[in-house]
PDB file of N, CA and C in Angstrom:
ATOM      1  N   MET A   1     -10.211   2.350   3.268  1.00  0.00           N
ATOM      2  CA  MET A   1      -9.833   0.960   3.161  1.00  0.00           C
ATOM      3  C   MET A   1     -10.260   0.393   1.813  1.00  0.00           C
ATOM      4  N   LEU A   2     -11.295   0.980   1.241  1.00  0.00           N
ATOM      5  CA  LEU A   2     -11.708   0.557  -0.096  1.00  0.00           C
ATOM      6  C   LEU A   2     -10.606   0.866  -1.114  1.00  0.00           C
ATOM      7  N   PHE A   3      -9.928   1.981  -0.900  1.00  0.00           N
ATOM      8  CA  PHE A   3      -8.818   2.338  -1.781  1.00  0.00           C
ATOM      9  C   PHE A   3      -7.722   1.280  -1.729  1.00  0.00           C
ATOM     10  N   TYR A   4      -7.489   0.711  -0.547  1.00  0.00           N
ATOM     11  CA  TYR A   4      -6.478  -0.337  -0.401  1.00  0.00           C
ATOM     12  C   TYR A   4      -6.851  -1.577  -1.207  1.00  0.00           C
ATOM     13  N   LEU A   5      -8.136  -1.883  -1.292  1.00  0.00           N
ATOM     14  CA  LEU A   5      -8.571  -3.014  -2.122  1.00  0.00           C
ATOM     15  C   LEU A   5      -8.295  -2.746  -3.599  1.00  0.00           C
ATOM     16  N   VAL A   6      -8.511  -1.508  -4.017  1.00  0.00           N
ATOM     17  CA  VAL A   6      -8.235  -1.136  -5.406  1.00  0.00           C
ATOM     18  C   VAL A   6      -6.739  -1.243  -5.687  1.00  0.00           C
ATOM     19  N   VAL A   7      -5.912  -0.756  -4.758  1.00  0.00           N
ATOM     20  CA  VAL A   7      -4.459  -0.843  -4.925  1.00  0.00           C
ATOM     21  C   VAL A   7      -4.022  -2.303  -5.002  1.00  0.00           C
ATOM     22  N   THR A   8      -4.583  -3.148  -4.147  1.00  0.00           N
ATOM     23  CA  THR A   8      -4.239  -4.570  -4.168  1.00  0.00           C
ATOM     24  C   THR A   8      -4.643  -5.208  -5.498  1.00  0.00           C
ATOM     25  N   ALA A   9      -5.813  -4.849  -6.013  1.00  0.00           N
ATOM     26  CA  ALA A   9      -6.249  -5.381  -7.309  1.00  0.00           C
ATOM     27  C   ALA A   9      -5.321  -4.911  -8.426  1.00  0.00           C
ATOM     28  N   PHE A  10      -4.927  -3.630  -8.397  1.00  0.00           N
ATOM     29  CA  PHE A  10      -3.973  -3.127  -9.387  1.00  0.00           C
ATOM     30  C   PHE A  10      -2.632  -3.838  -9.263  1.00  0.00           C
ATOM     31  N   TRP A  11      -2.210  -4.124  -8.035  1.00  0.00           N
ATOM     32  CA  TRP A  11      -0.924  -4.784  -7.812  1.00  0.00           C
ATOM     33  C   TRP A  11      -0.949  -6.200  -8.379  1.00  0.00           C
ATOM     34  N   VAL A  12      -2.025  -6.926  -8.117  1.00  0.00           N
ATOM     35  CA  VAL A  12      -2.154  -8.296  -8.621  1.00  0.00           C
ATOM     36  C   VAL A  12      -2.217  -8.302 -10.148  1.00  0.00           C
ATOM     37  N   ALA A  13      -2.904  -7.308 -10.717  1.00  0.00           N
ATOM     38  CA  ALA A  13      -3.044  -7.231 -12.170  1.00  0.00           C
ATOM     39  C   ALA A  13      -1.816  -6.621 -12.843  1.00  0.00           C
ATOM     40  N   ASN A  14      -0.827  -6.207 -12.054  1.00  0.00           N
ATOM     41  CA  ASN A  14       0.392  -5.581 -12.574  1.00  0.00           C
ATOM     42  C   ASN A  14       0.051  -4.365 -13.428  1.00  0.00           C
ATOM     43  N   SER A  15      -0.805  -3.512 -12.891  1.00  0.00           N
ATOM     44  CA  SER A  15      -1.277  -2.333 -13.608  1.00  0.00           C
ATOM     45  C   SER A  15      -0.161  -1.307 -13.781  1.00  0.00           C
ATOM     46  N   GLN A  16      -0.045  -0.778 -14.980  1.00  0.00           N
ATOM     47  CA  GLN A  16       0.960   0.255 -15.243  1.00  0.00           C
ATOM     48  C   GLN A  16       0.630   1.552 -14.520  1.00  0.00           C
ATOM     49  N   PHE A  17      -0.657   1.802 -14.248  1.00  0.00           N
ATOM     50  CA  PHE A  17      -1.038   3.007 -13.516  1.00  0.00           C
ATOM     51  C   PHE A  17      -0.444   3.001 -12.116  1.00  0.00           C
ATOM     52  N   LEU A  18      -0.492   1.875 -11.454  1.00  0.00           N
ATOM     53  CA  LEU A  18       0.020   1.785 -10.084  1.00  0.00           C
ATOM     54  C   LEU A  18       1.533   1.936 -10.047  1.00  0.00           C
ATOM     55  N   PHE A  19       2.216   1.452 -11.045  1.00  0.00           N
ATOM     56  CA  PHE A  19       3.674   1.470 -11.042  1.00  0.00           C
ATOM     57  C   PHE A  19       4.260   2.664 -11.786  1.00  0.00           C
ATOM     58  N   SER A  20       3.410   3.644 -12.124  1.00  0.00           N
ATOM     59  CA  SER A  20       3.917   4.897 -12.676  1.00  0.00           C
ATOM     60  C   SER A  20       4.360   5.789 -11.515  1.00  0.00           C
ATOM     61  N   VAL A  21       4.986   6.898 -11.839  1.00  0.00           N
ATOM     62  CA  VAL A  21       5.451   7.813 -10.785  1.00  0.00           C
ATOM     63  C   VAL A  21       4.269   8.335  -9.973  1.00  0.00           C
ATOM     64  N   TRP A  22       3.209   8.763 -10.660  1.00  0.00           N
ATOM     65  CA  TRP A  22       2.032   9.279  -9.954  1.00  0.00           C
ATOM     66  C   TRP A  22       1.345   8.192  -9.140  1.00  0.00           C
ATOM     67  N   GLY A  23       1.315   6.996  -9.668  1.00  0.00           N
ATOM     68  CA  GLY A  23       0.710   5.891  -8.931  1.00  0.00           C
ATOM     69  C   GLY A  23       1.448   5.597  -7.639  1.00  0.00           C
ATOM     70  N   LEU A  24       2.784   5.613  -7.708  1.00  0.00           N
ATOM     71  CA  LEU A  24       3.581   5.378  -6.500  1.00  0.00           C
ATOM     72  C   LEU A  24       3.426   6.511  -5.490  1.00  0.00           C
ATOM     73  N   ILE A  25       3.339   7.749  -5.984  1.00  0.00           N
ATOM     74  CA  ILE A  25       3.136   8.884  -5.075  1.00  0.00           C
ATOM     75  C   ILE A  25       1.798   8.760  -4.365  1.00  0.00           C
ATOM     76  N   ILE A  26       0.746   8.448  -5.108  1.00  0.00           N
ATOM     77  CA  ILE A  26      -0.580   8.280  -4.505  1.00  0.00           C
ATOM     78  C   ILE A  26      -0.571   7.109  -3.533  1.00  0.00           C
ATOM     79  N   TRP A  27       0.122   6.053  -3.878  1.00  0.00           N
ATOM     80  CA  TRP A  27       0.235   4.879  -3.012  1.00  0.00           C
ATOM     81  C   TRP A  27       0.910   5.252  -1.690  1.00  0.00           C
ATOM     82  N   LEU A  28       2.010   5.986  -1.757  1.00  0.00           N
ATOM     83  CA  LEU A  28       2.712   6.411  -0.538  1.00  0.00           C
ATOM     84  C   LEU A  28       1.859   7.349   0.312  1.00  0.00           C
ATOM     85  N   ILE A  29       1.161   8.278  -0.339  1.00  0.00           N
ATOM     86  CA  ILE A  29       0.289   9.193   0.399  1.00  0.00           C
ATOM     87  C   ILE A  29      -0.832   8.423   1.084  1.00  0.00           C
ATOM     88  N   SER A  30      -1.380   7.413   0.414  1.00  0.00           N
ATOM     89  CA  SER A  30      -2.457   6.632   1.034  1.00  0.00           C
ATOM     90  C   SER A  30      -1.953   5.857   2.248  1.00  0.00           C
ATOM     91  N   ILE A  31      -0.714   5.394   2.204  1.00  0.00           N
ATOM     92  CA  ILE A  31      -0.144   4.701   3.358  1.00  0.00           C
ATOM     93  C   ILE A  31       0.009   5.666   4.524  1.00  0.00           C
ATOM     94  N   LEU A  32       0.517   6.865   4.238  1.00  0.00           N
ATOM     95  CA  LEU A  32       0.653   7.869   5.299  1.00  0.00           C
ATOM     96  C   LEU A  32      -0.699   8.252   5.886  1.00  0.00           C
ATOM     97  N   LEU A  33      -1.690   8.440   5.026  1.00  0.00           N
ATOM     98  CA  LEU A  33      -3.031   8.767   5.514  1.00  0.00           C
ATOM     99  C   LEU A  33      -3.627   7.622   6.325  1.00  0.00           C
ATOM    100  N   GLY A  34      -3.301   6.395   5.961  1.00  0.00           N
ATOM    101  CA  GLY A  34      -3.775   5.242   6.724  1.00  0.00           C
ATOM    102  C   GLY A  34      -3.211   5.218   8.130  1.00  0.00           C
ATOM    103  N   PHE A  35      -1.906   5.513   8.259  1.00  0.00           N
ATOM    104  CA  PHE A  35      -1.307   5.562   9.591  1.00  0.00           C
ATOM    105  C   PHE A  35      -1.859   6.726  10.410  1.00  0.00           C
ATOM    106  N   ILE A  36      -2.104   7.859   9.761  1.00  0.00           N
ATOM    107  CA  ILE A  36      -2.696   9.002  10.466  1.00  0.00           C
ATOM    108  C   ILE A  36      -4.099   8.656  10.935  1.00  0.00           C
ATOM    109  N   ALA A  37      -4.884   8.021  10.078  1.00  0.00           N
ATOM    110  CA  ALA A  37      -6.243   7.623  10.471  1.00  0.00           C
ATOM    111  C   ALA A  37      -6.205   6.628  11.615  1.00  0.00           C
ATOM    112  N   TYR A  38      -5.243   5.719  11.590  1.00  0.00           N
ATOM    113  CA  TYR A  38      -5.103   4.746  12.678  1.00  0.00           C
ATOM    114  C   TYR A  38      -4.825   5.454  14.000  1.00  0.00           C
ATOM    115  N   LYS A  39      -3.966   6.455  13.970  1.00  0.00           N
ATOM    116  CA  LYS A  39      -3.638   7.190  15.194  1.00  0.00           C
ATOM    117  C   LYS A  39      -4.820   8.024  15.686  1.00  0.00           C
ATOM    118  N   GLN A  40      -5.675   8.476  14.772  1.00  0.00           N
ATOM    119  CA  GLN A  40      -6.806   9.322  15.148  1.00  0.00           C
ATOM    120  C   GLN A  40      -7.961   8.533  15.749  1.00  0.00           C
ATOM    121  N   ILE A  41      -8.056   7.256  15.433  1.00  0.00           N
ATOM    122  CA  ILE A  41      -9.135   6.427  15.966  1.00  0.00           C
ATOM    123  C   ILE A  41      -8.802   6.098  17.412  1.00  0.00           C
ATOM    124  N   LYS A  42      -9.592   6.600  18.327  1.00  0.00           N
ATOM    125  CA  LYS A  42      -9.306   6.447  19.756  1.00  0.00           C
ATOM    126  C   LYS A  42      -9.869   5.151  20.335  1.00  0.00           C
ATOM    127  N   GLU A  43     -10.935   4.660  19.762  1.00  0.00           N
ATOM    128  CA  GLU A  43     -11.603   3.488  20.317  1.00  0.00           C
ATOM    129  C   GLU A  43     -10.832   2.213  19.978  1.00  0.00           C
ATOM    130  N   LYS A  44     -10.884   1.275  20.883  1.00  0.00           N
ATOM    131  CA  LYS A  44     -10.268  -0.038  20.642  1.00  0.00           C
ATOM    132  C   LYS A  44     -11.332  -0.943  20.023  1.00  0.00           C
ATOM    133  N   ASN A  45     -11.428  -0.916  18.736  1.00  0.00           N
ATOM    134  CA  ASN A  45     -12.432  -1.742  18.078  1.00  0.00           C
ATOM    135  C   ASN A  45     -11.859  -2.368  16.813  1.00  0.00           C
ATOM    136  N   ILE A  46     -12.690  -3.070  16.121  1.00  0.00           N
ATOM    137  CA  ILE A  46     -12.268  -3.821  14.941  1.00  0.00           C
ATOM    138  C   ILE A  46     -11.831  -2.902  13.804  1.00  0.00           C
ATOM    139  N   VAL A  47     -12.416  -1.710  13.727  1.00  0.00           N
ATOM    140  CA  VAL A  47     -12.066  -0.789  12.644  1.00  0.00           C
ATOM    141  C   VAL A  47     -10.618  -0.330  12.784  1.00  0.00           C
ATOM    142  N   ARG A  48     -10.201  -0.077  14.000  1.00  0.00           N
ATOM    143  CA  ARG A  48      -8.821   0.355  14.245  1.00  0.00           C
ATOM    144  C   ARG A  48      -7.837  -0.756  13.865  1.00  0.00           C
ATOM    145  N   LYS A  49      -8.144  -1.980  14.254  1.00  0.00           N
ATOM    146  CA  LYS A  49      -7.269  -3.099  13.899  1.00  0.00           C
ATOM    147  C   LYS A  49      -7.253  -3.329  12.393  1.00  0.00           C
ATOM    148  N   LEU A  50      -8.414  -3.231  11.773  1.00  0.00           N
ATOM    149  CA  LEU A  50      -8.495  -3.417  10.330  1.00  0.00           C
ATOM    150  C   LEU A  50      -7.683  -2.353   9.597  1.00  0.00           C
ATOM    151  N   MET A  51      -7.736  -1.115  10.086  1.00  0.00           N
ATOM    152  CA  MET A  51      -6.956  -0.039   9.483  1.00  0.00           C
ATOM    153  C   MET A  51      -5.455  -0.309   9.624  1.00  0.00           C
ATOM    154  N   LEU A  52      -5.043  -0.781  10.795  1.00  0.00           N
ATOM    155  CA  LEU A  52      -3.631  -1.096  11.013  1.00  0.00           C
ATOM    156  C   LEU A  52      -3.177  -2.239  10.112  1.00  0.00           C
ATOM    157  N   TYR A  53      -3.964  -3.296  10.036  1.00  0.00           N
ATOM    158  CA  TYR A  53      -3.586  -4.455   9.222  1.00  0.00           C
ATOM    159  C   TYR A  53      -3.554  -4.113   7.735  1.00  0.00           C
ATOM    160  N   SER A  54      -4.539  -3.358   7.265  1.00  0.00           N
ATOM    161  CA  SER A  54      -4.571  -3.032   5.840  1.00  0.00           C
ATOM    162  C   SER A  54      -3.447  -2.071   5.465  1.00  0.00           C
ATOM    163  N   THR A  55      -3.140  -1.118   6.336  1.00  0.00           N
ATOM    164  CA  THR A  55      -2.035  -0.209   6.060  1.00  0.00           C
ATOM    165  C   THR A  55      -0.704  -0.953   6.104  1.00  0.00           C
ATOM    166  N   SER A  56      -0.566  -1.859   7.046  1.00  0.00           N
ATOM    167  CA  SER A  56       0.660  -2.661   7.125  1.00  0.00           C
ATOM    168  C   SER A  56       0.813  -3.540   5.887  1.00  0.00           C
ATOM    169  N   PHE A  57      -0.290  -4.061   5.377  1.00  0.00           N
ATOM    170  CA  PHE A  57      -0.242  -4.865   4.160  1.00  0.00           C
ATOM    171  C   PHE A  57       0.196  -4.017   2.969  1.00  0.00           C
ATOM    172  N   MET A  58      -0.237  -2.755   2.922  1.00  0.00           N
ATOM    173  CA  MET A  58       0.194  -1.863   1.846  1.00  0.00           C
ATOM    174  C   MET A  58       1.696  -1.609   1.923  1.00  0.00           C
ATOM    175  N   VAL A  59       2.225  -1.455   3.127  1.00  0.00           N
ATOM    176  CA  VAL A  59       3.670  -1.282   3.297  1.00  0.00           C
ATOM    177  C   VAL A  59       4.391  -2.544   2.826  1.00  0.00           C
ATOM    178  N   PHE A  60       3.861  -3.709   3.178  1.00  0.00           N
ATOM    179  CA  PHE A  60       4.443  -4.976   2.730  1.00  0.00           C
ATOM    180  C   PHE A  60       4.465  -5.058   1.203  1.00  0.00           C
ATOM    181  N   LEU A  61       3.350  -4.699   0.560  1.00  0.00           N
ATOM    182  CA  LEU A  61       3.303  -4.738  -0.904  1.00  0.00           C
ATOM    183  C   LEU A  61       4.302  -3.768  -1.513  1.00  0.00           C
ATOM    184  N   LEU A  62       4.449  -2.607  -0.903  1.00  0.00           N
ATOM    185  CA  LEU A  62       5.395  -1.623  -1.414  1.00  0.00           C
ATOM    186  C   LEU A  62       6.828  -2.132  -1.300  1.00  0.00           C
ATOM    187  N   LEU A  63       7.169  -2.732  -0.169  1.00  0.00           N
ATOM    188  CA  LEU A  63       8.510  -3.298   0.003  1.00  0.00           C
ATOM    189  C   LEU A  63       8.748  -4.462  -0.959  1.00  0.00           C
ATOM    190  N   LEU A  64       7.750  -5.310  -1.120  1.00  0.00           N
ATOM    191  CA  LEU A  64       7.869  -6.432  -2.045  1.00  0.00           C
ATOM    192  C   LEU A  64       8.046  -5.941  -3.481  1.00  0.00           C
ATOM    193  N   THR A  65       7.332  -4.886  -3.835  1.00  0.00           N
ATOM    194  CA  THR A  65       7.473  -4.304  -5.166  1.00  0.00           C
ATOM    195  C   THR A  65       8.889  -3.783  -5.378  1.00  0.00           C
ATOM    196  N   GLY A  66       9.430  -3.122  -4.359  1.00  0.00           N
ATOM    197  CA  GLY A  66      10.803  -2.628  -4.456  1.00  0.00           C
ATOM    198  C   GLY A  66      11.800  -3.757  -4.621  1.00  0.00           C
ATOM    199  N   LEU A  67      11.615  -4.841  -3.873  1.00  0.00           N
ATOM    200  CA  LEU A  67      12.514  -5.994  -3.997  1.00  0.00           C
ATOM    201  C   LEU A  67      12.415  -6.648  -5.371  1.00  0.00           C
ATOM    202  N   ILE A  68      11.203  -6.778  -5.880  1.00  0.00           N
ATOM    203  CA  ILE A  68      11.009  -7.364  -7.210  1.00  0.00           C
ATOM    204  C   ILE A  68      11.659  -6.476  -8.271  1.00  0.00           C
ATOM    205  N   HIS A  69      11.449  -5.173  -8.156  1.00  0.00           N
ATOM    206  CA  HIS A  69      12.042  -4.238  -9.121  1.00  0.00           C
ATOM    207  C   HIS A  69      13.568  -4.319  -9.078  1.00  0.00           C
ATOM    208  N   PHE A  70      14.129  -4.372  -7.883  1.00  0.00           N
ATOM    209  CA  PHE A  70      15.583  -4.479  -7.744  1.00  0.00           C
ATOM    210  C   PHE A  70      16.098  -5.783  -8.349  1.00  0.00           C
ATOM    211  N   ALA A  71      15.397  -6.878  -8.096  1.00  0.00           N
ATOM    212  CA  ALA A  71      15.830  -8.177  -8.624  1.00  0.00           C
ATOM    213  C   ALA A  71      15.759  -8.212 -10.146  1.00  0.00           C
ATOM    214  N   VAL A  72      14.713  -7.643 -10.707  1.00  0.00           N
ATOM    215  CA  VAL A  72      14.537  -7.676 -12.161  1.00  0.00           C
ATOM    216  C   VAL A  72      15.536  -6.756 -12.856  1.00  0.00           C
ATOM    217  N   THR A  73      15.776  -5.577 -12.297  1.00  0.00           N
ATOM    218  CA  THR A  73      16.696  -4.645 -12.953  1.00  0.00           C
ATOM    219  C   THR A  73      18.155  -5.061 -12.805  1.00  0.00           C
ATOM    220  N   SER A  74      18.463  -5.895 -11.826  1.00  0.00           N
ATOM    221  CA  SER A  74      19.855  -6.320 -11.659  1.00  0.00           C
ATOM    222  C   SER A  74      20.192  -7.567 -12.475  1.00  0.00           C
ATOM    223  N   MET A  75      19.211  -8.125 -13.151  1.00  0.00           N
ATOM    224  CA  MET A  75      19.471  -9.305 -13.985  1.00  0.00           C
ATOM    225  C   MET A  75      20.208  -8.892 -15.258  1.00  0.00           C
ATOM    226  N   PRO A  76      21.105  -9.742 -15.715  1.00  0.00           N
ATOM    227  CA  PRO A  76      21.849  -9.407 -16.954  1.00  0.00           C
ATOM    228  C   PRO A  76      20.992  -9.521 -18.195  1.00  0.00           C
TER     229      PRO A  76
END
């Protein structure tokens, strides 16, 4: 989850590292690992909910990034 905070900070700062090909690959892998970790946590506690919310927020940021990229590249 600490990695998600770093990704969010890079996203807010518009870091070129995050928006490079390798950055996007690492970002996607971290989202997949987050969902896997969520499924592996058997207990109903705050950590499981926090993992779900933070991973869902990463998916939201990724979709928003795609929409922003599409909007900017389609401008004349």
